[in-house]
């Protein structure tokens, strides 16, 4: 199923709490959208969970990662059904293939952002951490496979 992927999500903010109505996200989850600029949300369209992980690693590899980091993988068809303006643009990762998967969700309103959060809370979505050792191993493997341009990867992400 095609999905959008975005990094910077903390899984603990997406856990269903006992008091939380079904399908709702806790208010703390809004902090995971702190990268919104000019009412746009940058996402990458992927077809498999493996591609989602590849995109998350590529996005994160440009900046030093000091700990595990989270990413969200959520239903692109549900997002598209919201009527949000979606524009394909070139991504800015060290992975040329991942860059071709980049989209901007544009002209976002607060209510549409809330709808996106509800979609991320759906059972078919995933919000999970990538442990730092796993991330570093994936970066090294992607460089060795020619997927990541080592000149664009933060050198601390390949150091032991």
C-alpha atoms as a PDB file:
ATOM      1  CA  UNK A   1       0.000   0.000   0.000  1.00  0.00           C
ATOM      2  CA  UNK A   2       1.472   3.387  -0.909  1.00  0.00           C
ATOM      3  CA  UNK A   3       2.348   5.398   2.172  1.00  0.00           C
ATOM      4  CA  UNK A   4       3.931   8.678   3.101  1.00  0.00           C
ATOM      5  CA  UNK A   5       6.964   8.672   5.371  1.00  0.00           C
ATOM      6  CA  UNK A   6       8.299  11.466   7.562  1.00  0.00           C
ATOM      7  CA  UNK A   7      10.955  11.447  10.269  1.00  0.00           C
ATOM      8  CA  UNK A   8      10.946  13.248  13.612  1.00  0.00           C
ATOM      9  CA  UNK A   9       8.116  11.326  15.253  1.00  0.00           C
ATOM     10  CA  UNK A  10       8.304   9.951  18.790  1.00  0.00           C
ATOM     11  CA  UNK A  11       6.364   6.706  19.202  1.00  0.00           C
ATOM     12  CA  UNK A  12       5.418   7.527  22.814  1.00  0.00           C
ATOM     13  CA  UNK A  13       3.346  10.467  21.564  1.00  0.00           C
ATOM     14  CA  UNK A  14       1.222   8.149  19.420  1.00  0.00           C
ATOM     15  CA  UNK A  15       0.367   5.499  22.012  1.00  0.00           C
ATOM     16  CA  UNK A  16      -3.386   5.277  22.625  1.00  0.00           C
ATOM     17  CA  UNK A  17      -4.034   6.476  26.173  1.00  0.00           C
ATOM     18  CA  UNK A  18      -6.939   5.061  28.211  1.00  0.00           C
ATOM     19  CA  UNK A  19      -8.853   8.367  28.131  1.00  0.00           C
ATOM     20  CA  UNK A  20      -8.238   9.065  24.437  1.00  0.00           C
ATOM     21  CA  UNK A  21     -11.294   8.724  22.140  1.00  0.00           C
ATOM     22  CA  UNK A  22     -10.935   6.170  19.332  1.00  0.00           C
ATOM     23  CA  UNK A  23      -9.126   7.542  16.290  1.00  0.00           C
ATOM     24  CA  UNK A  24      -7.830  10.611  18.121  1.00  0.00           C
ATOM     25  CA  UNK A  25      -4.194  11.557  18.713  1.00  0.00           C
ATOM     26  CA  UNK A  26      -2.954  12.972  21.991  1.00  0.00           C
ATOM     27  CA  UNK A  27      -2.199  16.702  21.991  1.00  0.00           C
ATOM     28  CA  UNK A  28       1.521  16.057  22.608  1.00  0.00           C
ATOM     29  CA  UNK A  29       1.699  14.598  19.073  1.00  0.00           C
ATOM     30  CA  UNK A  30       1.531  18.127  17.646  1.00  0.00           C
ATOM     31  CA  UNK A  31       5.186  18.505  18.672  1.00  0.00           C
ATOM     32  CA  UNK A  32       6.095  15.953  15.991  1.00  0.00           C
ATOM     33  CA  UNK A  33       4.992  18.442  13.346  1.00  0.00           C
ATOM     34  CA  UNK A  34       7.494  21.124  14.429  1.00  0.00           C
ATOM     35  CA  UNK A  35       9.212  21.071  11.025  1.00  0.00           C
ATOM     36  CA  UNK A  36       6.293  22.678   9.217  1.00  0.00           C
ATOM     37  CA  UNK A  37       7.328  25.831   7.361  1.00  0.00           C
ATOM     38  CA  UNK A  38       5.174  28.034   5.140  1.00  0.00           C
ATOM     39  CA  UNK A  39       2.172  25.768   5.843  1.00  0.00           C
ATOM     40  CA  UNK A  40       3.838  22.848   4.032  1.00  0.00           C
ATOM     41  CA  UNK A  41       4.724  19.380   5.230  1.00  0.00           C
ATOM     42  CA  UNK A  42       7.519  17.490   3.491  1.00  0.00           C
ATOM     43  CA  UNK A  43       6.811  13.779   2.929  1.00  0.00           C
ATOM     44  CA  UNK A  44       8.136  10.932   0.801  1.00  0.00           C
ATOM     45  CA  UNK A  45       5.814   8.549  -1.075  1.00  0.00           C
ATOM     46  CA  UNK A  46       6.868   4.902  -0.733  1.00  0.00           C
ATOM     47  CA  UNK A  47       5.330   1.600  -1.796  1.00  0.00           C
ATOM     48  CA  UNK A  48       6.751  -0.727   0.858  1.00  0.00           C
ATOM     49  CA  UNK A  49       7.844  -0.635   4.479  1.00  0.00           C
ATOM     50  CA  UNK A  50      11.390  -1.317   3.289  1.00  0.00           C
ATOM     51  CA  UNK A  51      11.258   1.800   1.098  1.00  0.00           C
ATOM     52  CA  UNK A  52       9.880   3.726   4.081  1.00  0.00           C
ATOM     53  CA  UNK A  53      12.865   2.692   6.166  1.00  0.00           C
ATOM     54  CA  UNK A  54      15.233   3.550   3.292  1.00  0.00           C
ATOM     55  CA  UNK A  55      13.682   7.015   3.041  1.00  0.00           C
ATOM     56  CA  UNK A  56      13.840   7.584   6.816  1.00  0.00           C
ATOM     57  CA  UNK A  57      17.535   6.642   6.880  1.00  0.00           C
ATOM     58  CA  UNK A  58      18.304   8.843   3.869  1.00  0.00           C
ATOM     59  CA  UNK A  59      16.510  11.849   5.375  1.00  0.00           C
ATOM     60  CA  UNK A  60      18.222  11.452   8.733  1.00  0.00           C
ATOM     61  CA  UNK A  61      21.697  10.771   7.349  1.00  0.00           C
ATOM     62  CA  UNK A  62      22.410  14.422   6.474  1.00  0.00           C
ATOM     63  CA  UNK A  63      22.514  15.458  10.148  1.00  0.00           C
ATOM     64  CA  UNK A  64      24.322  13.797  13.004  1.00  0.00           C
ATOM     65  CA  UNK A  65      22.031  11.427  14.863  1.00  0.00           C
ATOM     66  CA  UNK A  66      22.984  11.044  18.517  1.00  0.00           C
ATOM     67  CA  UNK A  67      20.182   8.702  19.565  1.00  0.00           C
ATOM     68  CA  UNK A  68      17.335   6.658  18.189  1.00  0.00           C
ATOM     69  CA  UNK A  69      14.936   8.676  16.071  1.00  0.00           C
ATOM     70  CA  UNK A  70      11.389   8.042  15.062  1.00  0.00           C
ATOM     71  CA  UNK A  71       9.537   8.046  11.800  1.00  0.00           C
ATOM     72  CA  UNK A  72       5.934   7.711  10.732  1.00  0.00           C
ATOM     73  CA  UNK A  73       4.596   5.683   7.814  1.00  0.00           C
ATOM     74  CA  UNK A  74       0.967   6.506   7.002  1.00  0.00           C
ATOM     75  CA  UNK A  75      -1.695   5.934   4.341  1.00  0.00           C
ATOM     76  CA  UNK A  76      -1.171   8.234   1.360  1.00  0.00           C
ATOM     77  CA  UNK A  77      -4.660   7.564  -0.077  1.00  0.00           C
ATOM     78  CA  UNK A  78      -6.263   8.786   3.164  1.00  0.00           C
ATOM     79  CA  UNK A  79      -4.140  11.945   3.027  1.00  0.00           C
ATOM     80  CA  UNK A  80      -4.978  12.493  -0.646  1.00  0.00           C
ATOM     81  CA  UNK A  81      -8.694  12.159   0.190  1.00  0.00           C
ATOM     82  CA  UNK A  82      -8.426  15.207   2.483  1.00  0.00           C
ATOM     83  CA  UNK A  83      -8.187  17.450  -0.565  1.00  0.00           C
ATOM     84  CA  UNK A  84      -4.786  18.819   0.377  1.00  0.00           C
ATOM     85  CA  UNK A  85      -2.735  20.340  -2.419  1.00  0.00           C
ATOM     86  CA  UNK A  86       0.119  17.891  -3.057  1.00  0.00           C
ATOM     87  CA  UNK A  87       3.071  18.847  -5.239  1.00  0.00           C
ATOM     88  CA  UNK A  88       5.992  16.625  -6.212  1.00  0.00           C
ATOM     89  CA  UNK A  89       9.339  18.349  -5.730  1.00  0.00           C
ATOM     90  CA  UNK A  90      12.910  17.087  -5.632  1.00  0.00           C
ATOM     91  CA  UNK A  91      13.964  15.884  -2.189  1.00  0.00           C
ATOM     92  CA  UNK A  92      17.157  16.901  -0.437  1.00  0.00           C
ATOM     93  CA  UNK A  93      18.691  13.664   0.812  1.00  0.00           C
ATOM     94  CA  UNK A  94      21.943  11.879  -0.091  1.00  0.00           C
ATOM     95  CA  UNK A  95      19.846   9.233  -1.925  1.00  0.00           C
ATOM     96  CA  UNK A  96      18.883  10.243  -5.492  1.00  0.00           C
ATOM     97  CA  UNK A  97      16.154   7.601  -5.691  1.00  0.00           C
ATOM     98  CA  UNK A  98      14.562   8.727  -2.413  1.00  0.00           C
ATOM     99  CA  UNK A  99      14.714  12.332  -3.653  1.00  0.00           C
ATOM    100  CA  UNK A 100      12.404  11.356  -6.520  1.00  0.00           C
ATOM    101  CA  UNK A 101       9.795  10.193  -3.966  1.00  0.00           C
ATOM    102  CA  UNK A 102       9.474  13.659  -2.362  1.00  0.00           C
ATOM    103  CA  UNK A 103       6.209  15.610  -2.101  1.00  0.00           C
ATOM    104  CA  UNK A 104       5.024  18.731  -0.307  1.00  0.00           C
ATOM    105  CA  UNK A 105       1.612  18.787   1.339  1.00  0.00           C
ATOM    106  CA  UNK A 106       0.800  22.451   0.786  1.00  0.00           C
ATOM    107  CA  UNK A 107      -1.597  25.090   2.085  1.00  0.00           C
ATOM    108  CA  UNK A 108      -2.106  23.200   5.333  1.00  0.00           C
ATOM    109  CA  UNK A 109      -4.571  24.470   7.889  1.00  0.00           C
ATOM    110  CA  UNK A 110      -4.605  23.530  11.531  1.00  0.00           C
ATOM    111  CA  UNK A 111      -7.735  21.413  11.040  1.00  0.00           C
ATOM    112  CA  UNK A 112      -6.115  19.536   8.138  1.00  0.00           C
ATOM    113  CA  UNK A 113      -3.055  18.932  10.277  1.00  0.00           C
ATOM    114  CA  UNK A 114      -5.368  17.437  12.904  1.00  0.00           C
ATOM    115  CA  UNK A 115      -6.846  15.165  10.228  1.00  0.00           C
ATOM    116  CA  UNK A 116      -3.333  14.072   9.254  1.00  0.00           C
ATOM    117  CA  UNK A 117      -2.648  13.245  12.911  1.00  0.00           C
ATOM    118  CA  UNK A 118      -5.793  11.102  13.014  1.00  0.00           C
ATOM    119  CA  UNK A 119      -4.597   9.228   9.923  1.00  0.00           C
ATOM    120  CA  UNK A 120      -1.225   8.616  11.583  1.00  0.00           C
ATOM    121  CA  UNK A 121      -3.142   7.126  14.551  1.00  0.00           C
ATOM    122  CA  UNK A 122      -4.957   4.592  12.350  1.00  0.00           C
ATOM    123  CA  UNK A 123      -4.098   0.913  12.895  1.00  0.00           C
ATOM    124  CA  UNK A 124      -2.471   0.558   9.448  1.00  0.00           C
ATOM    125  CA  UNK A 125       0.020   3.375  10.178  1.00  0.00           C
ATOM    126  CA  UNK A 126       3.366   2.881  11.879  1.00  0.00           C
ATOM    127  CA  UNK A 127       5.257   5.182  14.208  1.00  0.00           C
ATOM    128  CA  UNK A 128       8.490   3.628  15.420  1.00  0.00           C
ATOM    129  CA  UNK A 129      12.052   4.328  16.410  1.00  0.00           C
ATOM    130  CA  UNK A 130      15.190   3.383  14.537  1.00  0.00           C
ATOM    131  CA  UNK A 131      17.840   2.567  17.160  1.00  0.00           C
ATOM    132  CA  UNK A 132      21.119   4.427  16.635  1.00  0.00           C
ATOM    133  CA  UNK A 133      23.237   1.271  15.986  1.00  0.00           C
ATOM    134  CA  UNK A 134      20.689   0.070  13.405  1.00  0.00           C
ATOM    135  CA  UNK A 135      20.665   3.491  11.758  1.00  0.00           C
ATOM    136  CA  UNK A 136      24.472   3.644  11.533  1.00  0.00           C
ATOM    137  CA  UNK A 137      24.640   0.121  10.095  1.00  0.00           C
ATOM    138  CA  UNK A 138      21.995   1.000   7.498  1.00  0.00           C
ATOM    139  CA  UNK A 139      23.860   4.186   6.531  1.00  0.00           C
ATOM    140  CA  UNK A 140      27.086   2.245   6.024  1.00  0.00           C
ATOM    141  CA  UNK A 141      25.309  -0.451   4.007  1.00  0.00           C
ATOM    142  CA  UNK A 142      23.545   2.161   1.844  1.00  0.00           C
ATOM    143  CA  UNK A 143      26.862   3.904   1.134  1.00  0.00           C
ATOM    144  CA  UNK A 144      28.470   0.573   0.234  1.00  0.00           C
ATOM    145  CA  UNK A 145      25.525  -0.237  -2.078  1.00  0.00           C
ATOM    146  CA  UNK A 146      25.837   3.141  -3.803  1.00  0.00           C
ATOM    147  CA  UNK A 147      22.462   4.373  -2.564  1.00  0.00           C
ATOM    148  CA  UNK A 148      23.798   7.219  -0.409  1.00  0.00           C
ATOM    149  CA  UNK A 149      26.271   9.839  -1.580  1.00  0.00           C
ATOM    150  CA  UNK A 150      28.921   9.729   1.176  1.00  0.00           C
ATOM    151  CA  UNK A 151      29.786  13.401   0.551  1.00  0.00           C
ATOM    152  CA  UNK A 152      26.303  14.395   1.737  1.00  0.00           C
ATOM    153  CA  UNK A 153      26.172  12.108   4.783  1.00  0.00           C
ATOM    154  CA  UNK A 154      27.215  13.566   8.131  1.00  0.00           C
ATOM    155  CA  UNK A 155      30.527  11.809   8.872  1.00  0.00           C
ATOM    156  CA  UNK A 156      29.501  11.148  12.482  1.00  0.00           C
ATOM    157  CA  UNK A 157      26.736   8.856  11.206  1.00  0.00           C
ATOM    158  CA  UNK A 158      29.314   6.429   9.845  1.00  0.00           C
ATOM    159  CA  UNK A 159      31.748   6.624  12.764  1.00  0.00           C
ATOM    160  CA  UNK A 160      31.668   3.960  15.452  1.00  0.00           C
END
